[in-house]
Amino acid sequence: MVGKMLILFAGLAFSGMASAGFFDGIKKNLEIVNETLDDVNQQVDDISQEVNDINQQVDDLDAEFDEIQTQTTSLGKSRGSGEAGRRAG
């Protein structure tokens, strides 16, 4: 009877150690996954910043284009009014 109890106790102790090892393995895997997710989040943040920078450059170019277009339109109108004035005169 004592022998059976000893075997049962040894089995439970081994099972507990195996479970602890199993959970340690899961814990390590979760830590790796967590680190990987942190790296991915950092990359996403970096890409978002690059996209914001590009959007700002596009906005700046749009503003320059609008300014050039306004100047060209104004120049065309002033030339047109000058020609009309010369024709009338």
PDB file of N, CA and C in Angstrom:
ATOM      1  N   MET A   1       0.820  -1.188   0.000  1.00  0.00           N
ATOM      2  CA  MET A   1       0.000   0.000   0.000  1.00  0.00           C
ATOM      3  C   MET A   1       0.870   1.260   0.000  1.00  0.00           C
ATOM      4  N   VAL A   2       1.912   1.266   0.834  1.00  0.00           N
ATOM      5  CA  VAL A   2       2.808   2.409   0.897  1.00  0.00           C
ATOM      6  C   VAL A   2       3.506   2.586  -0.435  1.00  0.00           C
ATOM      7  N   GLY A   3       3.842   1.484  -1.078  1.00  0.00           N
ATOM      8  CA  GLY A   3       4.506   1.529  -2.376  1.00  0.00           C
ATOM      9  C   GLY A   3       3.626   2.189  -3.428  1.00  0.00           C
ATOM     10  N   LYS A   4       2.336   1.841  -3.410  1.00  0.00           N
ATOM     11  CA  LYS A   4       1.398   2.430  -4.366  1.00  0.00           C
ATOM     12  C   LYS A   4       1.259   3.932  -4.124  1.00  0.00           C
ATOM     13  N   MET A   5       1.224   4.311  -2.854  1.00  0.00           N
ATOM     14  CA  MET A   5       1.092   5.734  -2.531  1.00  0.00           C
ATOM     15  C   MET A   5       2.342   6.496  -2.957  1.00  0.00           C
ATOM     16  N   LEU A   6       3.499   5.849  -2.771  1.00  0.00           N
ATOM     17  CA  LEU A   6       4.753   6.472  -3.173  1.00  0.00           C
ATOM     18  C   LEU A   6       4.794   6.658  -4.690  1.00  0.00           C
ATOM     19  N   ILE A   7       4.352   5.650  -5.413  1.00  0.00           N
ATOM     20  CA  ILE A   7       4.312   5.741  -6.878  1.00  0.00           C
ATOM     21  C   ILE A   7       3.330   6.830  -7.300  1.00  0.00           C
ATOM     22  N   LEU A   8       2.181   6.865  -6.643  1.00  0.00           N
ATOM     23  CA  LEU A   8       1.186   7.892  -6.952  1.00  0.00           C
ATOM     24  C   LEU A   8       1.746   9.285  -6.681  1.00  0.00           C
ATOM     25  N   PHE A   9       2.425   9.449  -5.550  1.00  0.00           N
ATOM     26  CA  PHE A   9       3.026  10.741  -5.207  1.00  0.00           C
ATOM     27  C   PHE A   9       4.103  11.120  -6.226  1.00  0.00           C
ATOM     28  N   ALA A  10       4.933  10.158  -6.590  1.00  0.00           N
ATOM     29  CA  ALA A  10       5.987  10.415  -7.577  1.00  0.00           C
ATOM     30  C   ALA A  10       5.360  10.794  -8.915  1.00  0.00           C
ATOM     31  N   GLY A  11       4.289  10.123  -9.276  1.00  0.00           N
ATOM     32  CA  GLY A  11       3.589  10.444 -10.530  1.00  0.00           C
ATOM     33  C   GLY A  11       3.026  11.849 -10.512  1.00  0.00           C
ATOM     34  N   LEU A  12       2.435  12.229  -9.397  1.00  0.00           N
ATOM     35  CA  LEU A  12       1.887  13.587  -9.276  1.00  0.00           C
ATOM     36  C   LEU A  12       2.995  14.634  -9.320  1.00  0.00           C
ATOM     37  N   ALA A  13       4.107  14.338  -8.646  1.00  0.00           N
ATOM     38  CA  ALA A  13       5.237  15.272  -8.644  1.00  0.00           C
ATOM     39  C   ALA A  13       5.786  15.427 -10.058  1.00  0.00           C
ATOM     40  N   PHE A  14       5.937  14.305 -10.782  1.00  0.00           N
ATOM     41  CA  PHE A  14       6.433  14.362 -12.159  1.00  0.00           C
ATOM     42  C   PHE A  14       5.448  15.126 -13.042  1.00  0.00           C
ATOM     43  N   SER A  15       4.175  14.866 -12.855  1.00  0.00           N
ATOM     44  CA  SER A  15       3.137  15.551 -13.629  1.00  0.00           C
ATOM     45  C   SER A  15       3.182  17.052 -13.374  1.00  0.00           C
ATOM     46  N   GLY A  16       3.387  17.428 -12.119  1.00  0.00           N
ATOM     47  CA  GLY A  16       3.488  18.851 -11.771  1.00  0.00           C
ATOM     48  C   GLY A  16       4.682  19.505 -12.427  1.00  0.00           C
ATOM     49  N   MET A  17       5.824  18.791 -12.441  1.00  0.00           N
ATOM     50  CA  MET A  17       7.020  19.342 -13.087  1.00  0.00           C
ATOM     51  C   MET A  17       6.812  19.445 -14.593  1.00  0.00           C
ATOM     52  N   ALA A  18       6.170  18.432 -15.179  1.00  0.00           N
ATOM     53  CA  ALA A  18       5.920  18.461 -16.618  1.00  0.00           C
ATOM     54  C   ALA A  18       4.988  19.619 -16.959  1.00  0.00           C
ATOM     55  N   SER A  19       3.971  19.828 -16.128  1.00  0.00           N
ATOM     56  CA  SER A  19       3.047  20.942 -16.356  1.00  0.00           C
ATOM     57  C   SER A  19       3.767  22.275 -16.235  1.00  0.00           C
ATOM     58  N   ALA A  20       4.642  22.374 -15.233  1.00  0.00           N
ATOM     59  CA  ALA A  20       5.396  23.620 -15.053  1.00  0.00           C
ATOM     60  C   ALA A  20       6.266  23.882 -16.272  1.00  0.00           C
ATOM     61  N   GLY A  21       6.916  22.836 -16.791  1.00  0.00           N
ATOM     62  CA  GLY A  21       7.733  22.987 -17.994  1.00  0.00           C
ATOM     63  C   GLY A  21       6.886  23.378 -19.187  1.00  0.00           C
ATOM     64  N   PHE A  22       5.717  22.780 -19.295  1.00  0.00           N
ATOM     65  CA  PHE A  22       4.794  23.098 -20.383  1.00  0.00           C
ATOM     66  C   PHE A  22       4.371  24.560 -20.313  1.00  0.00           C
ATOM     67  N   PHE A  23       4.011  25.001 -19.117  1.00  0.00           N
ATOM     68  CA  PHE A  23       3.580  26.389 -18.963  1.00  0.00           C
ATOM     69  C   PHE A  23       4.737  27.370 -19.147  1.00  0.00           C
ATOM     70  N   ASP A  24       5.943  26.963 -18.746  1.00  0.00           N
ATOM     71  CA  ASP A  24       7.115  27.809 -19.007  1.00  0.00           C
ATOM     72  C   ASP A  24       7.327  27.973 -20.505  1.00  0.00           C
ATOM     73  N   GLY A  25       7.142  26.867 -21.238  1.00  0.00           N
ATOM     74  CA  GLY A  25       7.270  26.928 -22.698  1.00  0.00           C
ATOM     75  C   GLY A  25       6.241  27.858 -23.308  1.00  0.00           C
ATOM     76  N   ILE A  26       5.009  27.763 -22.829  1.00  0.00           N
ATOM     77  CA  ILE A  26       3.955  28.655 -23.320  1.00  0.00           C
ATOM     78  C   ILE A  26       4.295  30.101 -22.977  1.00  0.00           C
ATOM     79  N   LYS A  27       4.783  30.313 -21.761  1.00  0.00           N
ATOM     80  CA  LYS A  27       5.133  31.669 -21.331  1.00  0.00           C
ATOM     81  C   LYS A  27       6.223  32.251 -22.220  1.00  0.00           C
ATOM     82  N   LYS A  28       7.244  31.451 -22.534  1.00  0.00           N
ATOM     83  CA  LYS A  28       8.328  31.925 -23.402  1.00  0.00           C
ATOM     84  C   LYS A  28       7.803  32.239 -24.801  1.00  0.00           C
ATOM     85  N   ASN A  29       6.926  31.368 -25.309  1.00  0.00           N
ATOM     86  CA  ASN A  29       6.343  31.619 -26.631  1.00  0.00           C
ATOM     87  C   ASN A  29       5.514  32.898 -26.639  1.00  0.00           C
ATOM     88  N   LEU A  30       4.767  33.121 -25.581  1.00  0.00           N
ATOM     89  CA  LEU A  30       3.969  34.349 -25.492  1.00  0.00           C
ATOM     90  C   LEU A  30       4.858  35.585 -25.409  1.00  0.00           C
ATOM     91  N   GLU A  31       5.983  35.470 -24.719  1.00  0.00           N
ATOM     92  CA  GLU A  31       6.924  36.593 -24.652  1.00  0.00           C
ATOM     93  C   GLU A  31       7.486  36.904 -26.038  1.00  0.00           C
ATOM     94  N   ILE A  32       7.799  35.848 -26.805  1.00  0.00           N
ATOM     95  CA  ILE A  32       8.308  36.045 -28.168  1.00  0.00           C
ATOM     96  C   ILE A  32       7.242  36.704 -29.035  1.00  0.00           C
ATOM     97  N   VAL A  33       6.005  36.227 -28.916  1.00  0.00           N
ATOM     98  CA  VAL A  33       4.903  36.820 -29.683  1.00  0.00           C
ATOM     99  C   VAL A  33       4.722  38.280 -29.294  1.00  0.00           C
ATOM    100  N   ASN A  34       4.805  38.573 -28.010  1.00  0.00           N
ATOM    101  CA  ASN A  34       4.642  39.944 -27.523  1.00  0.00           C
ATOM    102  C   ASN A  34       5.739  40.852 -28.072  1.00  0.00           C
ATOM    103  N   GLU A  35       6.983  40.366 -28.070  1.00  0.00           N
ATOM    104  CA  GLU A  35       8.094  41.153 -28.618  1.00  0.00           C
ATOM    105  C   GLU A  35       7.898  41.393 -30.114  1.00  0.00           C
ATOM    106  N   THR A  36       7.438  40.355 -30.814  1.00  0.00           N
ATOM    107  CA  THR A  36       7.195  40.483 -32.252  1.00  0.00           C
ATOM    108  C   THR A  36       6.110  41.519 -32.514  1.00  0.00           C
ATOM    109  N   LEU A  37       5.051  41.481 -31.724  1.00  0.00           N
ATOM    110  CA  LEU A  37       3.976  42.466 -31.884  1.00  0.00           C
ATOM    111  C   LEU A  37       4.472  43.876 -31.591  1.00  0.00           C
ATOM    112  N   ASP A  38       5.336  44.015 -30.599  1.00  0.00           N
ATOM    113  CA  ASP A  38       5.917  45.327 -30.305  1.00  0.00           C
ATOM    114  C   ASP A  38       6.723  45.833 -31.496  1.00  0.00           C
ATOM    115  N   ASP A  39       7.508  44.933 -32.111  1.00  0.00           N
ATOM    116  CA  ASP A  39       8.289  45.314 -33.291  1.00  0.00           C
ATOM    117  C   ASP A  39       7.377  45.722 -34.445  1.00  0.00           C
ATOM    118  N   VAL A  40       6.316  44.954 -34.654  1.00  0.00           N
ATOM    119  CA  VAL A  40       5.369  45.268 -35.733  1.00  0.00           C
ATOM    120  C   VAL A  40       4.700  46.610 -35.462  1.00  0.00           C
ATOM    121  N   ASN A  41       4.305  46.854 -34.228  1.00  0.00           N
ATOM    122  CA  ASN A  41       3.688  48.139 -33.878  1.00  0.00           C
ATOM    123  C   ASN A  41       4.643  49.296 -34.140  1.00  0.00           C
ATOM    124  N   GLN A  42       5.914  49.109 -33.841  1.00  0.00           N
ATOM    125  CA  GLN A  42       6.908  50.156 -34.086  1.00  0.00           C
ATOM    126  C   GLN A  42       7.049  50.406 -35.580  1.00  0.00           C
ATOM    127  N   GLN A  43       7.053  49.329 -36.362  1.00  0.00           N
ATOM    128  CA  GLN A  43       7.142  49.484 -37.816  1.00  0.00           C
ATOM    129  C   GLN A  43       5.918  50.214 -38.360  1.00  0.00           C
ATOM    130  N   VAL A  44       4.748  49.885 -37.841  1.00  0.00           N
ATOM    131  CA  VAL A  44       3.521  50.566 -38.265  1.00  0.00           C
ATOM    132  C   VAL A  44       3.598  52.048 -37.911  1.00  0.00           C
ATOM    133  N   ASP A  45       4.093  52.362 -36.721  1.00  0.00           N
ATOM    134  CA  ASP A  45       4.257  53.763 -36.324  1.00  0.00           C
ATOM    135  C   ASP A  45       5.224  54.487 -37.249  1.00  0.00           C
ATOM    136  N   ASP A  46       6.330  53.819 -37.600  1.00  0.00           N
ATOM    137  CA  ASP A  46       7.314  54.423 -38.508  1.00  0.00           C
ATOM    138  C   ASP A  46       6.709  54.676 -39.885  1.00  0.00           C
ATOM    139  N   ILE A  47       5.963  53.695 -40.392  1.00  0.00           N
ATOM    140  CA  ILE A  47       5.328  53.846 -41.704  1.00  0.00           C
ATOM    141  C   ILE A  47       4.286  54.953 -41.655  1.00  0.00           C
ATOM    142  N   SER A  48       3.528  55.037 -40.583  1.00  0.00           N
ATOM    143  CA  SER A  48       2.525  56.100 -40.438  1.00  0.00           C
ATOM    144  C   SER A  48       3.186  57.470 -40.464  1.00  0.00           C
ATOM    145  N   GLN A  49       4.326  57.595 -39.810  1.00  0.00           N
ATOM    146  CA  GLN A  49       5.051  58.868 -39.807  1.00  0.00           C
ATOM    147  C   GLN A  49       5.531  59.205 -41.213  1.00  0.00           C
ATOM    148  N   GLU A  50       6.034  58.200 -41.942  1.00  0.00           N
ATOM    149  CA  GLU A  50       6.475  58.436 -43.319  1.00  0.00           C
ATOM    150  C   GLU A  50       5.308  58.870 -44.197  1.00  0.00           C
ATOM    151  N   VAL A  51       4.154  58.234 -44.020  1.00  0.00           N
ATOM    152  CA  VAL A  51       2.963  58.603 -44.791  1.00  0.00           C
ATOM    153  C   VAL A  51       2.558  60.036 -44.466  1.00  0.00           C
ATOM    154  N   ASN A  52       2.599  60.401 -43.192  1.00  0.00           N
ATOM    155  CA  ASN A  52       2.268  61.776 -42.806  1.00  0.00           C
ATOM    156  C   ASN A  52       3.235  62.773 -43.435  1.00  0.00           C
ATOM    157  N   ASP A  53       4.521  62.418 -43.464  1.00  0.00           N
ATOM    158  CA  ASP A  53       5.516  63.292 -44.093  1.00  0.00           C
ATOM    159  C   ASP A  53       5.238  63.451 -45.585  1.00  0.00           C
ATOM    160  N   ILE A  54       4.907  62.347 -46.249  1.00  0.00           N
ATOM    161  CA  ILE A  54       4.598  62.402 -47.682  1.00  0.00           C
ATOM    162  C   ILE A  54       3.340  63.230 -47.917  1.00  0.00           C
ATOM    163  N   ASN A  55       2.332  63.055 -47.083  1.00  0.00           N
ATOM    164  CA  ASN A  55       1.103  63.851 -47.216  1.00  0.00           C
ATOM    165  C   ASN A  55       1.400  65.340 -47.067  1.00  0.00           C
ATOM    166  N   GLN A  56       2.290  65.674 -46.151  1.00  0.00           N
ATOM    167  CA  GLN A  56       2.665  67.079 -45.966  1.00  0.00           C
ATOM    168  C   GLN A  56       3.365  67.605 -47.213  1.00  0.00           C
ATOM    169  N   GLN A  57       4.241  66.799 -47.798  1.00  0.00           N
ATOM    170  CA  GLN A  57       4.928  67.208 -49.025  1.00  0.00           C
ATOM    171  C   GLN A  57       3.929  67.406 -50.163  1.00  0.00           C
ATOM    172  N   VAL A  58       2.948  66.518 -50.256  1.00  0.00           N
ATOM    173  CA  VAL A  58       1.910  66.649 -51.289  1.00  0.00           C
ATOM    174  C   VAL A  58       1.112  67.929 -51.063  1.00  0.00           C
ATOM    175  N   ASP A  59       0.753  68.204 -49.820  1.00  0.00           N
ATOM    176  CA  ASP A  59       0.024  69.441 -49.513  1.00  0.00           C
ATOM    177  C   ASP A  59       0.849  70.668 -49.893  1.00  0.00           C
ATOM    178  N   ASP A  60       2.146  70.631 -49.600  1.00  0.00           N
ATOM    179  CA  ASP A  60       3.023  71.751 -49.953  1.00  0.00           C
ATOM    180  C   ASP A  60       3.087  71.933 -51.469  1.00  0.00           C
ATOM    181  N   LEU A  61       3.204  70.826 -52.198  1.00  0.00           N
ATOM    182  CA  LEU A  61       3.246  70.903 -53.662  1.00  0.00           C
ATOM    183  C   LEU A  61       1.917  71.393 -54.232  1.00  0.00           C
ATOM    184  N   ASP A  62       0.812  70.964 -53.648  1.00  0.00           N
ATOM    185  CA  ASP A  62      -0.503  71.456 -54.080  1.00  0.00           C
ATOM    186  C   ASP A  62      -0.601  72.964 -53.886  1.00  0.00           C
ATOM    187  N   ALA A  63      -0.117  73.447 -52.760  1.00  0.00           N
ATOM    188  CA  ALA A  63      -0.163  74.888 -52.487  1.00  0.00           C
ATOM    189  C   ALA A  63       0.702  75.642 -53.493  1.00  0.00           C
ATOM    190  N   GLU A  64       1.889  75.106 -53.799  1.00  0.00           N
ATOM    191  CA  GLU A  64       2.753  75.748 -54.792  1.00  0.00           C
ATOM    192  C   GLU A  64       2.091  75.747 -56.163  1.00  0.00           C
ATOM    193  N   PHE A  65       1.474  74.639 -56.519  1.00  0.00           N
ATOM    194  CA  PHE A  65       0.797  74.543 -57.810  1.00  0.00           C
ATOM    195  C   PHE A  65      -0.341  75.558 -57.893  1.00  0.00           C
ATOM    196  N   ASP A  66      -1.136  75.640 -56.833  1.00  0.00           N
ATOM    197  CA  ASP A  66      -2.239  76.611 -56.813  1.00  0.00           C
ATOM    198  C   ASP A  66      -1.711  78.032 -56.954  1.00  0.00           C
ATOM    199  N   GLU A  67      -0.599  78.328 -56.295  1.00  0.00           N
ATOM    200  CA  GLU A  67      -0.012  79.663 -56.380  1.00  0.00           C
ATOM    201  C   GLU A  67       0.455  79.951 -57.807  1.00  0.00           C
ATOM    202  N   ILE A  68       1.121  78.985 -58.424  1.00  0.00           N
ATOM    203  CA  ILE A  68       1.587  79.165 -59.802  1.00  0.00           C
ATOM    204  C   ILE A  68       0.400  79.317 -60.742  1.00  0.00           C
ATOM    205  N   GLN A  69      -0.628  78.523 -60.533  1.00  0.00           N
ATOM    206  CA  GLN A  69      -1.821  78.599 -61.379  1.00  0.00           C
ATOM    207  C   GLN A  69      -2.496  79.961 -61.229  1.00  0.00           C
ATOM    208  N   THR A  70      -2.562  80.468 -60.016  1.00  0.00           N
ATOM    209  CA  THR A  70      -3.159  81.785 -59.774  1.00  0.00           C
ATOM    210  C   THR A  70      -2.334  82.871 -60.457  1.00  0.00           C
ATOM    211  N   GLN A  71      -1.011  82.779 -60.344  1.00  0.00           N
ATOM    212  CA  GLN A  71      -0.146  83.774 -60.988  1.00  0.00           C
ATOM    213  C   GLN A  71      -0.283  83.708 -62.506  1.00  0.00           C
ATOM    214  N   THR A  72      -0.357  82.510 -63.057  1.00  0.00           N
ATOM    215  CA  THR A  72      -0.492  82.346 -64.502  1.00  0.00           C
ATOM    216  C   THR A  72      -1.827  82.902 -64.972  1.00  0.00           C
ATOM    217  N   THR A  73      -2.879  82.632 -64.229  1.00  0.00           N
ATOM    218  CA  THR A  73      -4.208  83.142 -64.590  1.00  0.00           C
ATOM    219  C   THR A  73      -4.219  84.662 -64.515  1.00  0.00           C
ATOM    220  N   SER A  74      -3.632  85.212 -63.463  1.00  0.00           N
ATOM    221  CA  SER A  74      -3.573  86.671 -63.317  1.00  0.00           C
ATOM    222  C   SER A  74      -2.751  87.286 -64.438  1.00  0.00           C
ATOM    223  N   LEU A  75      -1.660  86.657 -64.799  1.00  0.00           N
ATOM    224  CA  LEU A  75      -0.804  87.152 -65.872  1.00  0.00           C
ATOM    225  C   LEU A  75      -1.556  87.117 -67.199  1.00  0.00           C
ATOM    226  N   GLY A  76      -2.287  86.044 -67.444  1.00  0.00           N
ATOM    227  CA  GLY A  76      -3.076  85.935 -68.675  1.00  0.00           C
ATOM    228  C   GLY A  76      -4.160  86.990 -68.738  1.00  0.00           C
ATOM    229  N   LYS A  77      -4.805  87.278 -67.629  1.00  0.00           N
ATOM    230  CA  LYS A  77      -5.858  88.301 -67.601  1.00  0.00           C
ATOM    231  C   LYS A  77      -5.267  89.681 -67.843  1.00  0.00           C
ATOM    232  N   SER A  78      -4.111  89.953 -67.235  1.00  0.00           N
ATOM    233  CA  SER A  78      -3.518  91.278 -67.416  1.00  0.00           C
ATOM    234  C   SER A  78      -3.028  91.445 -68.849  1.00  0.00           C
ATOM    235  N   ARG A  79      -2.532  90.420 -69.463  1.00  0.00           N
ATOM    236  CA  ARG A  79      -2.122  90.502 -70.869  1.00  0.00           C
ATOM    237  C   ARG A  79      -3.347  90.679 -71.757  1.00  0.00           C
ATOM    238  N   GLY A  80      -4.390  89.945 -71.429  1.00  0.00           N
ATOM    239  CA  GLY A  80      -5.615  90.051 -72.233  1.00  0.00           C
ATOM    240  C   GLY A  80      -6.222  91.428 -72.157  1.00  0.00           C
ATOM    241  N   SER A  81      -6.239  92.036 -70.999  1.00  0.00           N
ATOM    242  CA  SER A  81      -6.826  93.368 -70.857  1.00  0.00           C
ATOM    243  C   SER A  81      -5.953  94.400 -71.554  1.00  0.00           C
ATOM    244  N   GLY A  82      -4.657  94.176 -71.577  1.00  0.00           N
ATOM    245  CA  GLY A  82      -3.755  95.096 -72.275  1.00  0.00           C
ATOM    246  C   GLY A  82      -3.977  95.040 -73.771  1.00  0.00           C
ATOM    247  N   GLU A  83      -4.177  93.855 -74.296  1.00  0.00           N
ATOM    248  CA  GLU A  83      -4.420  93.713 -75.729  1.00  0.00           C
ATOM    249  C   GLU A  83      -5.757  94.329 -76.099  1.00  0.00           C
ATOM    250  N   ALA A  84      -6.757  94.129 -75.248  1.00  0.00           N
ATOM    251  CA  ALA A  84      -8.070  94.715 -75.539  1.00  0.00           C
ATOM    252  C   ALA A  84      -7.981  96.226 -75.525  1.00  0.00           C
ATOM    253  N   GLY A  85      -7.195  96.758 -74.616  1.00  0.00           N
ATOM    254  CA  GLY A  85      -7.022  98.212 -74.535  1.00  0.00           C
ATOM    255  C   GLY A  85      -6.312  98.744 -75.763  1.00  0.00           C
ATOM    256  N   ARG A  86      -5.354  98.023 -76.257  1.00  0.00           N
ATOM    257  CA  ARG A  86      -4.632  98.460 -77.455  1.00  0.00           C
ATOM    258  C   ARG A  86      -5.535  98.402 -78.680  1.00  0.00           C
ATOM    259  N   ARG A  87      -6.374  97.382 -78.746  1.00  0.00           N
ATOM    260  CA  ARG A  87      -7.281  97.266 -79.889  1.00  0.00           C
ATOM    261  C   ARG A  87      -8.306  98.389 -79.875  1.00  0.00           C
ATOM    262  N   ALA A  88      -8.767  98.726 -78.682  1.00  0.00           N
ATOM    263  CA  ALA A  88      -9.789  99.773 -78.577  1.00  0.00           C
ATOM    264  C   ALA A  88      -9.198 101.126 -78.920  1.00  0.00           C
ATOM    265  N   GLY A  89      -7.914 101.289 -78.666  1.00  0.00           N
ATOM    266  CA  GLY A  89      -7.292 102.583 -78.831  1.00  0.00           C
ATOM    267  C   GLY A  89      -6.779 102.805 -80.167  1.00  0.00           C
TER     268      GLY A  89
END
